[in-house]
Amino acid sequence: MIRMVEHVANRQVDCAFNLLVLPPTMIFTNRYLELGEEFYQQTSPQPVAQPSLIIFNHELAKEFAGSLSTFDEHMLTQMFSGNQVHESSVPLAMAYAGHQFGHFNPQLGDGRAIYLGELTRLEGGSMDVQLKGSGRTRFSRGGDGRSALGPVLREYLLSEAMHKLGVPTTRALAAVSSGEQVWREQKIPGGVITRIASSFIRVGTFQYFAAQQDLDSLQKLADYVLECNYPEHSNGEDKYLALFKAVVTRQAQLIAKWMCLGFIHGVMNTDNMSIAGETIDYGPCAFMDYFRYDQVYSFIDKRGRYAYQEQPSIGLWNLTRLAEALLPLFNEDVDVAVEQATSILKGFAPHYDAAWLINMRSKLGLTASVNDAEDKSLVEGLLNTMAESEADFTLAFHHLSQMDASANEKDESFHGLFSNSEKIKDWLRQWRKRLELETQTDTERQAQMGAINPVYIPRNHQIEKVIRAAEDNNNFEPFHELHTVLENPFTYQQGKDTYMQPPKPGEVVVNTFCGT
């Protein structure tokens, strides 16, 4: 049953909205609401004119209690456009701060996102649900609170692709076109994406309260994160140090996975860094085609602060800002707290290096941990040769996955990616010499390499084609076809070779944009 209301007890709403009554097993909870009004603005999504469901993630919906995956298209469209709000949801916009390109802004917050609450997972635990592009909040800073359609499609494709590639990430539950136009230098179609996460708390959320010297709220936030995301550390005298150490470890492992897939986040501000260790905020992000250490796509990253090779050091920089915010919780003695934080931060590089080498060994088909320094040198030798030739990152590892321990005709596809054929042949001799220390057969090794080296990634030029078809012609067929291909990134799909290939010269995407 759907009914129109103008006031709901115990809610502060800024306009009338529809309440959506769903089966009793489909219930939002909201522990974040209990933290207090200083943590958020209670607000409602702003309805859109003519919402139309582009896609609903039935596979993801089946993970939650209730019958969400069985709703008809009309109900899904109304709910995930923000036109109707579930009766158990208390929508809000979260407050946070953040360093943006190194400059601190003490108040940012959800300027175009509205948090709906938590949904219980069938296997245990819960996930947070958020609409993005759902209208203005008090954190919008003069913006319209909306999203253009292009960024909605980009985030849906990239976040779901990351999940299929085995990278911790927010996920996309639904994408809706709004039937309205938004101004981004010119009028373009708008959209709303529904995304879920283990947490939408950011490094910048802690910075927000630290900047106000609000120790009580800082401690409440830390306890909330411990309860929701790190319950194994929620008890104990040094639980806040344990929390920080766990966050450092997760971030190191996450960024290592990015690097091993050629992924560039593009805007690693502290307000875009999830405390749960998940990839969040898919703005000007991109997967590399031709390999360059200094590759940048984001139009606003003029100085390469967030270039591919800078991501590990920026991760550590962001974590240092988190440590500064948490110092009062570590120890009353500032000098002792700094020493404790510094000790944990020193663990970032070893955690990152270990995770990176484990991933890269797998990408090269190496299972035996023989000599870390020699294996690292072998990996770096390949990357340096790739950089010299600007070889395609994904195809290089994919073709390597097909090759045997002895040279044969399979080598030709790999050789063809490199301009310096002698140098890559020399590297292959080193790789094959290293394989002599392995016990796997060619077939076993190729299967293992094929399970970590994707055939398909969401390439920039393909994303651009999807966006142009949708925004210019209201044609979503290219979106659905690309999404289907990316559902099975490690499996070769007959007739889909075009999705494997890097862009032709006229298709190269030089810049990507946030969409705000």
Protein backbone atom coordinates (compact mmCIF):
# COMPACT_ATOMS: atom_id res chain seq x y z
CA MET A 1 0.00 0.00 0.00
CA ILE A 2 1.23 3.49 -0.85
CA ARG A 3 -0.14 6.58 0.83
CA MET A 4 0.67 10.28 0.65
CA VAL A 5 1.66 11.91 3.94
CA GLU A 6 2.65 15.40 4.97
CA HIS A 7 3.91 14.63 8.43
CA VAL A 8 5.25 11.51 10.07
CA ALA A 9 5.71 11.23 13.81
CA ASN A 10 9.31 11.34 15.01
CA ARG A 11 10.58 12.54 11.62
CA GLN A 12 11.77 15.89 10.42
CA VAL A 13 10.98 16.14 6.73
CA ASP A 14 11.44 19.07 4.41
CA CYS A 15 8.60 18.23 2.03
CA ALA A 16 5.72 15.85 1.57
CA PHE A 17 6.71 12.43 0.23
CA ASN A 18 5.28 9.01 -0.41
CA LEU A 19 5.61 6.27 2.16
CA LEU A 20 6.10 2.85 0.67
CA VAL A 21 4.73 -0.01 2.76
CA LEU A 22 6.59 -3.24 2.03
CA PRO A 23 6.45 -6.75 3.48
CA PRO A 24 7.43 -6.86 7.17
CA THR A 25 10.59 -8.85 6.37
CA MET A 26 11.84 -5.92 4.27
CA ILE A 27 12.85 -3.44 6.98
CA PHE A 28 15.44 -0.70 7.13
CA THR A 29 17.23 -0.15 10.41
CA ASN A 30 19.36 2.89 11.10
CA ARG A 31 21.92 2.70 13.87
CA TYR A 32 23.59 5.84 12.53
CA LEU A 33 20.50 7.84 13.49
CA GLU A 34 21.19 7.02 17.15
CA LEU A 35 24.54 8.84 17.11
CA GLY A 36 22.87 12.24 17.28
CA GLU A 37 21.91 15.19 15.12
CA GLU A 38 25.46 16.52 14.93
CA PHE A 39 26.27 13.56 12.64
CA TYR A 40 23.73 14.26 9.90
CA GLN A 41 20.85 16.25 8.49
CA GLN A 42 17.57 14.38 8.45
CA THR A 43 16.18 15.02 4.99
CA SER A 44 14.14 13.36 2.27
CA PRO A 45 14.90 12.61 -1.37
CA GLN A 46 13.44 15.15 -3.78
CA PRO A 47 11.03 13.50 -6.24
CA VAL A 48 11.91 13.43 -9.93
CA ALA A 49 9.54 14.05 -12.84
CA GLN A 50 9.42 10.85 -14.88
CA PRO A 51 11.64 8.13 -13.42
CA SER A 52 12.44 5.11 -15.54
CA LEU A 53 14.27 2.01 -14.30
CA ILE A 54 17.41 1.34 -16.32
CA ILE A 55 18.60 -1.69 -14.39
CA PHE A 56 17.97 -3.46 -11.10
CA ASN A 57 20.54 -5.80 -9.59
CA HIS A 58 18.46 -8.89 -8.87
CA GLU A 59 21.57 -10.93 -8.05
CA LEU A 60 22.53 -8.47 -5.31
CA ALA A 61 18.96 -8.07 -4.05
CA LYS A 62 18.76 -11.81 -3.32
CA GLU A 63 21.42 -11.37 -0.64
CA PHE A 64 19.00 -9.44 1.57
CA ALA A 65 16.15 -10.56 3.76
CA GLY A 66 12.68 -9.85 2.41
CA SER A 67 11.31 -9.97 -1.11
CA LEU A 68 13.05 -6.96 -2.68
CA SER A 69 14.02 -8.93 -5.76
CA THR A 70 10.38 -9.83 -6.48
CA PHE A 71 8.99 -6.26 -6.62
CA ASP A 72 7.49 -5.15 -9.88
CA GLU A 73 9.23 -2.58 -12.04
CA HIS A 74 6.95 0.29 -11.05
CA MET A 75 7.62 -0.17 -7.34
CA LEU A 76 11.37 -0.52 -7.90
CA THR A 77 11.37 2.61 -10.05
CA GLN A 78 9.53 4.68 -7.45
CA MET A 79 11.68 3.45 -4.57
CA PHE A 80 15.06 3.86 -6.24
CA SER A 81 14.32 7.22 -7.80
CA GLY A 82 13.53 8.58 -4.32
CA ASN A 83 9.91 9.31 -5.26
CA GLN A 84 8.69 6.92 -2.58
CA VAL A 85 10.33 6.18 0.75
CA HIS A 86 10.03 2.90 2.60
CA GLU A 87 8.05 3.36 5.80
CA SER A 88 10.92 2.02 7.97
CA SER A 89 13.53 4.32 6.42
CA VAL A 90 14.57 7.60 8.04
CA PRO A 91 16.55 9.30 5.25
CA LEU A 92 19.51 11.47 6.14
CA ALA A 93 22.61 13.15 4.72
CA MET A 94 25.86 12.46 6.55
CA ALA A 95 28.23 15.18 7.72
CA TYR A 96 31.96 14.90 7.07
CA ALA A 97 35.04 16.95 6.25
CA GLY A 98 38.05 16.13 4.10
CA HIS A 99 41.30 17.01 2.44
CA GLN A 100 40.62 17.72 -1.22
CA PHE A 101 43.82 17.68 -3.28
CA GLY A 102 45.71 18.34 -0.06
CA HIS A 103 43.58 21.26 1.14
CA PHE A 104 41.37 20.77 4.19
CA ASN A 105 37.69 21.64 4.04
CA PRO A 106 36.12 21.42 7.52
CA GLN A 107 32.58 20.80 6.22
CA LEU A 108 31.68 18.77 3.16
CA GLY A 109 29.00 16.10 3.72
CA ASP A 110 26.56 14.31 1.45
CA GLY A 111 25.72 17.03 -1.03
CA ARG A 112 23.88 14.77 -3.47
CA ALA A 113 23.50 11.52 -1.56
CA ILE A 114 20.86 10.43 0.93
CA TYR A 115 21.31 7.49 3.27
CA LEU A 116 18.23 5.28 3.59
CA GLY A 117 19.44 2.90 6.30
CA GLU A 118 20.66 -0.68 6.67
CA LEU A 119 19.27 -3.87 5.14
CA THR A 120 19.89 -7.23 6.80
CA ARG A 121 21.82 -9.80 4.79
CA LEU A 122 20.64 -13.40 4.71
CA GLU A 123 24.12 -14.66 5.55
CA GLY A 124 24.35 -12.30 8.51
CA GLY A 125 25.22 -8.69 9.11
CA SER A 126 23.85 -5.75 7.18
CA MET A 127 24.72 -3.32 4.40
CA ASP A 128 24.09 0.42 4.16
CA VAL A 129 21.89 1.74 1.34
CA GLN A 130 22.24 5.17 -0.23
CA LEU A 131 20.66 7.11 -3.08
CA LYS A 132 23.05 9.29 -5.07
CA GLY A 133 21.68 12.11 -7.22
CA SER A 134 18.55 12.38 -5.09
CA GLY A 135 18.48 16.14 -4.49
CA ARG A 136 19.84 18.95 -2.37
CA THR A 137 20.87 18.72 1.26
CA ARG A 138 22.37 21.35 3.53
CA PHE A 139 25.78 20.03 2.44
CA SER A 140 25.21 20.72 -1.27
CA ARG A 141 27.24 23.97 -1.17
CA GLY A 142 25.29 25.63 -3.96
CA GLY A 143 24.97 22.48 -6.07
CA ASP A 144 21.72 21.00 -7.28
CA GLY A 145 22.17 17.68 -5.47
CA ARG A 146 21.48 15.83 -8.69
CA SER A 147 23.58 13.56 -10.86
CA ALA A 148 23.90 13.53 -14.60
CA LEU A 149 23.00 10.23 -16.23
CA GLY A 150 26.55 9.54 -17.43
CA PRO A 151 28.13 9.31 -13.96
CA VAL A 152 25.29 7.02 -12.84
CA LEU A 153 26.00 4.59 -15.67
CA ARG A 154 29.76 4.85 -15.11
CA GLU A 155 29.46 4.06 -11.40
CA TYR A 156 27.08 1.17 -11.98
CA LEU A 157 29.37 -0.46 -14.54
CA LEU A 158 32.63 0.20 -12.73
CA SER A 159 31.52 -0.76 -9.22
CA GLU A 160 29.92 -4.00 -10.38
CA ALA A 161 32.94 -4.79 -12.55
CA MET A 162 35.21 -4.25 -9.55
CA HIS A 163 33.11 -6.67 -7.53
CA LYS A 164 33.37 -9.31 -10.24
CA LEU A 165 37.13 -8.71 -10.37
CA GLY A 166 37.37 -9.49 -6.66
CA VAL A 167 38.04 -5.98 -5.37
CA PRO A 168 36.31 -4.72 -2.20
CA THR A 169 33.87 -2.05 -3.34
CA THR A 170 30.55 -0.36 -2.91
CA ARG A 171 28.00 -2.05 -5.16
CA ALA A 172 25.19 -0.83 -7.35
CA LEU A 173 21.63 -1.96 -6.59
CA ALA A 174 19.72 0.11 -9.14
CA ALA A 175 20.05 2.85 -11.73
CA VAL A 176 17.19 5.12 -12.74
CA SER A 177 16.89 7.89 -15.31
CA SER A 178 15.09 10.84 -13.76
CA GLY A 179 13.21 12.17 -16.76
CA GLU A 180 14.70 15.57 -15.89
CA GLN A 181 17.56 17.65 -17.23
CA VAL A 182 20.50 18.87 -15.14
CA TRP A 183 22.82 21.75 -15.94
CA ARG A 184 26.47 20.75 -16.49
CA GLU A 185 27.65 23.56 -18.80
CA GLN A 186 24.64 22.50 -20.84
CA LYS A 187 21.44 20.57 -20.22
CA ILE A 188 21.90 16.80 -20.04
CA PRO A 189 19.69 13.95 -18.77
CA GLY A 190 19.75 13.19 -15.05
CA GLY A 191 19.80 9.95 -13.11
CA VAL A 192 19.87 8.36 -9.66
CA ILE A 193 21.99 5.42 -8.55
CA THR A 194 21.33 3.28 -5.49
CA ARG A 195 24.50 1.90 -3.98
CA ILE A 196 25.26 -0.28 -0.99
CA ALA A 197 28.36 -0.48 1.19
CA SER A 198 29.66 -2.04 4.36
CA SER A 199 29.91 1.56 5.50
CA PHE A 200 29.67 5.07 4.09
CA ILE A 201 31.89 6.38 6.90
CA ARG A 202 35.01 8.03 5.51
CA VAL A 203 38.34 9.22 6.84
CA GLY A 204 36.78 12.66 6.47
CA THR A 205 33.99 11.75 8.90
CA PHE A 206 36.55 11.44 11.68
CA GLN A 207 38.25 14.63 10.52
CA TYR A 208 34.93 16.47 10.80
CA PHE A 209 34.70 15.93 14.55
CA ALA A 210 38.43 16.19 15.18
CA ALA A 211 38.44 19.66 13.57
CA GLN A 212 35.71 20.71 16.01
CA GLN A 213 37.63 19.15 18.91
CA ASP A 214 34.45 17.21 19.67
CA LEU A 215 35.98 14.25 21.47
CA ASP A 216 32.64 12.80 22.57
CA SER A 217 31.36 12.56 18.99
CA LEU A 218 34.73 11.28 17.77
CA GLN A 219 34.57 8.46 20.31
CA LYS A 220 30.94 7.66 19.47
CA LEU A 221 31.88 7.46 15.79
CA ALA A 222 34.82 5.15 16.50
CA ASP A 223 32.63 2.90 18.65
CA TYR A 224 30.00 2.81 15.89
CA VAL A 225 32.60 1.76 13.29
CA LEU A 226 33.98 -0.89 15.64
CA GLU A 227 30.50 -2.30 16.22
CA CYS A 228 29.47 -2.28 12.56
CA ASN A 229 32.68 -3.04 10.67
CA TYR A 230 35.34 -4.31 13.06
CA PRO A 231 33.45 -6.16 15.82
CA GLU A 232 36.46 -8.43 16.43
CA HIS A 233 38.26 -5.38 17.85
CA SER A 234 35.33 -3.79 19.70
CA ASN A 235 36.51 -4.91 23.14
CA GLY A 236 39.82 -4.40 24.80
CA GLU A 237 41.83 -1.63 26.36
CA ASP A 238 43.48 -0.63 23.07
CA LYS A 239 40.45 -1.04 20.80
CA TYR A 240 40.99 2.29 19.00
CA LEU A 241 44.57 1.39 18.16
CA ALA A 242 43.33 -2.00 16.97
CA LEU A 243 40.73 -0.24 14.83
CA PHE A 244 43.31 2.02 13.25
CA LYS A 245 45.68 -0.88 12.58
CA ALA A 246 42.87 -2.85 10.90
CA VAL A 247 41.94 0.13 8.70
CA VAL A 248 45.59 0.55 7.66
CA THR A 249 45.81 -3.13 6.71
CA ARG A 250 42.60 -3.07 4.68
CA GLN A 251 43.61 0.06 2.80
CA ALA A 252 47.02 -1.37 1.96
CA GLN A 253 45.43 -4.54 0.58
CA LEU A 254 42.79 -2.57 -1.35
CA ILE A 255 45.25 -0.27 -3.09
CA ALA A 256 47.47 -3.24 -3.96
CA LYS A 257 44.50 -4.77 -5.79
CA TRP A 258 43.92 -1.49 -7.66
CA MET A 259 47.53 -1.41 -8.77
CA CYS A 260 47.50 -5.00 -9.97
CA LEU A 261 44.50 -4.27 -12.21
CA GLY A 262 45.70 -0.93 -13.57
CA PHE A 263 42.87 0.92 -11.83
CA ILE A 264 43.17 4.64 -11.12
CA HIS A 265 40.70 6.06 -8.61
CA GLY A 266 41.32 9.61 -9.73
CA VAL A 267 40.23 11.56 -6.66
CA MET A 268 41.69 10.01 -3.52
CA ASN A 269 40.61 12.81 -1.20
CA THR A 270 40.16 11.83 2.44
CA ASP A 271 36.40 12.24 2.06
CA ASN A 272 36.53 9.57 -0.67
CA MET A 273 38.35 6.98 1.45
CA SER A 274 36.09 4.40 3.06
CA ILE A 275 36.82 3.41 6.63
CA ALA A 276 35.69 -0.13 5.72
CA GLY A 277 38.44 -0.62 3.12
CA GLU A 278 36.14 -0.57 0.10
CA THR A 279 36.49 1.33 -3.17
CA ILE A 280 34.06 4.23 -2.95
CA ASP A 281 32.99 7.26 -5.02
CA TYR A 282 33.50 6.32 -8.66
CA GLY A 283 33.96 9.77 -10.15
CA PRO A 284 36.79 10.35 -12.64
CA CYS A 285 38.10 6.81 -12.16
CA ALA A 286 39.40 4.67 -15.00
CA PHE A 287 41.22 1.48 -15.90
CA MET A 288 44.42 2.02 -17.83
CA ASP A 289 44.71 0.92 -21.40
CA TYR A 290 48.31 1.67 -22.41
CA PHE A 291 50.57 1.34 -19.41
CA ARG A 292 52.19 4.44 -17.94
CA TYR A 293 53.33 4.89 -14.36
CA ASP A 294 52.25 8.53 -14.37
CA GLN A 295 48.87 7.96 -16.00
CA VAL A 296 46.16 10.43 -14.98
CA TYR A 297 42.62 10.66 -16.34
CA SER A 298 40.84 13.05 -13.99
CA PHE A 299 40.38 16.44 -15.65
CA ILE A 300 40.88 18.25 -12.33
CA ASP A 301 44.08 16.44 -11.36
CA LYS A 302 46.34 18.83 -13.23
CA ARG A 303 49.49 18.00 -11.26
CA GLY A 304 49.12 14.23 -11.13
CA ARG A 305 48.61 14.06 -7.38
CA TYR A 306 46.48 10.92 -7.82
CA ALA A 307 48.36 9.35 -10.74
CA TYR A 308 48.60 5.57 -10.93
CA GLN A 309 52.04 5.33 -9.32
CA GLU A 310 51.14 7.79 -6.55
CA GLN A 311 48.20 5.81 -5.17
CA PRO A 312 50.09 3.84 -2.47
CA SER A 313 51.79 6.97 -1.10
CA ILE A 314 48.51 8.91 -1.17
CA GLY A 315 46.86 6.05 0.70
CA LEU A 316 49.48 6.40 3.41
CA TRP A 317 49.07 10.20 3.42
CA ASN A 318 45.31 9.82 3.94
CA LEU A 319 45.83 7.31 6.73
CA THR A 320 48.19 9.74 8.41
CA ARG A 321 45.37 12.29 8.42
CA LEU A 322 43.14 9.65 10.01
CA ALA A 323 45.78 9.02 12.67
CA GLU A 324 45.88 12.75 13.46
CA ALA A 325 42.11 12.74 13.96
CA LEU A 326 42.20 9.67 16.21
CA LEU A 327 45.15 10.70 18.41
CA PRO A 328 42.98 11.72 21.41
CA LEU A 329 41.50 8.21 21.47
CA PHE A 330 44.88 6.49 21.42
CA ASN A 331 46.36 8.01 24.55
CA GLU A 332 45.91 11.07 26.76
CA ASP A 333 49.63 11.75 26.39
CA VAL A 334 50.01 13.26 22.92
CA ASP A 335 53.63 12.15 22.55
CA VAL A 336 52.70 8.57 23.37
CA ALA A 337 49.72 8.70 20.98
CA VAL A 338 51.94 10.00 18.16
CA GLU A 339 54.46 7.23 18.79
CA GLN A 340 51.72 4.59 18.73
CA ALA A 341 50.20 5.97 15.52
CA THR A 342 53.59 6.24 13.84
CA SER A 343 54.37 2.62 14.66
CA ILE A 344 51.14 1.48 13.01
CA LEU A 345 51.64 3.73 9.98
CA LYS A 346 55.07 2.18 9.46
CA GLY A 347 53.24 -1.08 8.87
CA PHE A 348 51.45 0.25 5.78
CA ALA A 349 54.35 -0.23 3.37
CA PRO A 350 55.07 -3.86 4.42
CA HIS A 351 51.35 -4.71 4.22
CA TYR A 352 51.08 -3.09 0.79
CA ASP A 353 54.28 -4.68 -0.54
CA ALA A 354 53.21 -8.13 0.65
CA ALA A 355 49.71 -7.82 -0.84
CA TRP A 356 51.08 -6.43 -4.11
CA LEU A 357 53.63 -9.22 -4.47
CA ILE A 358 51.06 -11.93 -3.68
CA ASN A 359 48.76 -10.55 -6.37
CA MET A 360 51.54 -10.06 -8.91
CA ARG A 361 52.94 -13.54 -8.32
CA SER A 362 49.51 -14.93 -9.10
CA LYS A 363 49.29 -12.80 -12.24
CA LEU A 364 52.60 -14.32 -13.41
CA GLY A 365 51.58 -17.87 -12.48
CA LEU A 366 54.02 -18.15 -9.60
CA THR A 367 52.88 -20.15 -6.59
CA ALA A 368 56.16 -20.90 -4.82
CA SER A 369 57.47 -18.13 -2.56
CA VAL A 370 61.12 -18.66 -3.40
CA ASN A 371 62.81 -15.26 -3.24
CA ASP A 372 60.77 -12.10 -2.69
CA ALA A 373 63.44 -9.75 -4.00
CA GLU A 374 63.98 -11.75 -7.19
CA ASP A 375 60.24 -12.12 -7.83
CA LYS A 376 59.71 -8.40 -7.25
CA SER A 377 62.50 -7.66 -9.71
CA LEU A 378 60.88 -9.98 -12.26
CA VAL A 379 57.53 -8.19 -11.94
CA GLU A 380 59.14 -4.76 -12.13
CA GLY A 381 61.06 -5.83 -15.20
CA LEU A 382 57.81 -6.65 -16.98
CA LEU A 383 56.15 -3.40 -15.89
CA ASN A 384 59.14 -1.33 -16.98
CA THR A 385 59.15 -3.00 -20.38
CA MET A 386 55.41 -2.44 -20.66
CA ALA A 387 55.90 1.23 -19.80
CA GLU A 388 58.60 1.66 -22.46
CA SER A 389 56.28 0.25 -25.11
CA GLU A 390 53.06 1.61 -23.57
CA ALA A 391 51.73 -1.92 -23.90
CA ASP A 392 48.11 -2.52 -22.97
CA PHE A 393 48.08 -3.45 -19.28
CA THR A 394 45.17 -5.90 -19.34
CA LEU A 395 46.03 -7.59 -22.65
CA ALA A 396 49.67 -8.09 -21.64
CA PHE A 397 48.72 -10.15 -18.60
CA HIS A 398 45.88 -11.89 -20.46
CA HIS A 399 48.15 -13.08 -23.28
CA LEU A 400 50.82 -14.08 -20.78
CA SER A 401 48.17 -16.30 -19.17
CA GLN A 402 47.85 -18.29 -22.41
CA MET A 403 51.55 -19.02 -22.83
CA ASP A 404 53.41 -22.26 -22.19
CA ALA A 405 56.59 -22.87 -20.23
CA SER A 406 58.38 -23.37 -23.56
CA ALA A 407 58.42 -20.83 -26.39
CA ASN A 408 56.00 -21.52 -29.23
CA GLU A 409 53.54 -19.75 -31.56
CA LYS A 410 51.47 -18.59 -28.57
CA ASP A 411 54.20 -16.04 -27.87
CA GLU A 412 53.32 -13.96 -30.93
CA SER A 413 50.24 -12.25 -29.46
CA PHE A 414 52.26 -11.23 -26.41
CA HIS A 415 55.24 -10.04 -28.49
CA GLY A 416 52.92 -7.92 -30.62
CA LEU A 417 52.10 -5.65 -27.67
CA PHE A 418 55.73 -4.51 -27.32
CA SER A 419 57.81 -2.25 -29.55
CA ASN A 420 61.09 -3.63 -28.18
CA SER A 421 60.83 -7.29 -29.15
CA GLU A 422 64.32 -8.26 -27.94
CA LYS A 423 63.75 -6.80 -24.50
CA ILE A 424 60.46 -8.62 -23.99
CA LYS A 425 61.95 -11.85 -25.29
CA ASP A 426 64.71 -11.50 -22.72
CA TRP A 427 62.11 -10.98 -20.00
CA LEU A 428 60.23 -14.09 -21.16
CA ARG A 429 63.41 -16.14 -20.82
CA GLN A 430 63.71 -14.93 -17.21
CA TRP A 431 60.05 -15.74 -16.54
CA ARG A 432 60.39 -19.24 -17.98
CA LYS A 433 63.53 -19.82 -15.96
CA ARG A 434 61.53 -18.89 -12.86
CA LEU A 435 58.74 -21.30 -13.87
CA GLU A 436 61.23 -24.17 -13.55
CA LEU A 437 60.86 -23.78 -9.79
CA GLU A 438 57.10 -24.41 -10.04
CA THR A 439 55.36 -27.78 -9.96
CA GLN A 440 52.22 -26.89 -11.93
CA THR A 441 51.61 -28.12 -15.45
CA ASP A 442 50.99 -25.55 -18.18
CA THR A 443 47.28 -26.29 -18.05
CA GLU A 444 47.10 -25.86 -14.28
CA ARG A 445 49.12 -22.65 -14.32
CA GLN A 446 47.15 -21.16 -17.21
CA ALA A 447 43.89 -21.85 -15.39
CA GLN A 448 45.21 -20.18 -12.25
CA MET A 449 46.47 -17.15 -14.19
CA GLY A 450 43.22 -16.93 -16.12
CA ALA A 451 41.32 -16.67 -12.84
CA ILE A 452 43.15 -13.47 -11.85
CA ASN A 453 44.01 -11.82 -15.18
CA PRO A 454 40.78 -10.51 -16.72
CA VAL A 455 39.89 -10.70 -20.39
CA TYR A 456 37.51 -7.75 -20.07
CA ILE A 457 37.64 -4.55 -18.06
CA PRO A 458 35.34 -1.50 -18.27
CA ARG A 459 37.48 0.35 -20.79
CA ASN A 460 37.13 4.12 -20.95
CA HIS A 461 36.17 4.33 -24.60
CA GLN A 462 33.47 1.69 -24.16
CA ILE A 463 32.07 3.56 -21.16
CA GLU A 464 32.04 6.74 -23.24
CA LYS A 465 30.08 4.99 -26.01
CA VAL A 466 27.54 3.81 -23.43
CA ILE A 467 27.13 7.31 -22.02
CA ARG A 468 26.81 8.95 -25.43
CA ALA A 469 24.15 6.45 -26.54
CA ALA A 470 22.16 6.97 -23.33
CA GLU A 471 22.46 10.74 -22.97
CA ASP A 472 22.22 11.62 -26.66
CA ASN A 473 19.74 9.03 -27.92
CA ASN A 474 18.06 7.51 -24.84
CA ASN A 475 19.52 4.20 -26.00
CA PHE A 476 20.52 1.84 -23.18
CA GLU A 477 21.31 -1.23 -25.30
CA PRO A 478 25.08 -0.51 -25.32
CA PHE A 479 24.97 -0.19 -21.52
CA HIS A 480 23.26 -3.55 -21.08
CA GLU A 481 25.56 -5.31 -23.54
CA LEU A 482 28.71 -3.99 -21.87
CA HIS A 483 27.32 -4.83 -18.43
CA THR A 484 26.61 -8.41 -19.56
CA VAL A 485 30.17 -8.83 -20.83
CA LEU A 486 31.63 -7.45 -17.59
CA GLU A 487 29.61 -9.92 -15.53
CA ASN A 488 32.16 -12.60 -16.56
CA PRO A 489 35.46 -10.73 -16.83
CA PHE A 490 37.73 -13.79 -16.71
CA THR A 491 35.93 -15.83 -19.38
CA TYR A 492 36.52 -15.38 -23.10
CA GLN A 493 33.16 -14.69 -24.76
CA GLN A 494 32.68 -15.58 -28.40
CA GLY A 495 31.91 -12.58 -30.59
CA LYS A 496 32.87 -10.03 -27.89
CA ASP A 497 36.44 -9.33 -29.02
CA THR A 498 35.70 -5.64 -29.46
CA TYR A 499 35.36 -5.34 -25.68
CA MET A 500 38.86 -6.77 -25.22
CA GLN A 501 40.61 -4.23 -27.40
CA PRO A 502 42.19 -0.93 -26.39
CA PRO A 503 40.88 2.21 -28.06
CA LYS A 504 41.82 3.23 -31.57
CA PRO A 505 43.55 6.62 -31.80
CA GLY A 506 40.26 8.44 -32.33
CA GLU A 507 38.62 6.66 -29.40
CA VAL A 508 41.16 7.46 -26.67
CA VAL A 509 39.55 9.07 -23.62
CA VAL A 510 42.01 11.67 -22.35
CA ASN A 511 39.98 13.07 -19.45
CA THR A 512 37.32 11.76 -17.08
CA PHE A 513 35.04 13.89 -14.91
CA CYS A 514 33.37 13.72 -11.50
CA GLY A 515 29.90 14.56 -12.78
CA THR A 516 29.14 17.23 -10.18
